[in-house]
């Protein structure tokens, strides 16, 4: 299984990458979430927790902000937790 990120500033190039992908290749087309096979997630890993946040491709920046807030909260609730 191959993961391909089509993230140029050219919509047509991204579409072409998706069209030409083989069945064993999953494409994340960053210019059009409806033409993506997968989305990235924001992830927090500690000794005892794995927390992921996804906006289903709508707003990676919002996921990043929520991850930061969750990490701050986690540090206050579990100060001895190793990250």
Foldseek 3Di string as FASTA:
>chain_A
DAEEEQDDPDLVSLVVCLVPDDPVYFYCSLVDLVSGPDDDWDWDDWPPDIDTDDPSSPDPVVRVVVSVVVVVVCCVVCVPIGD
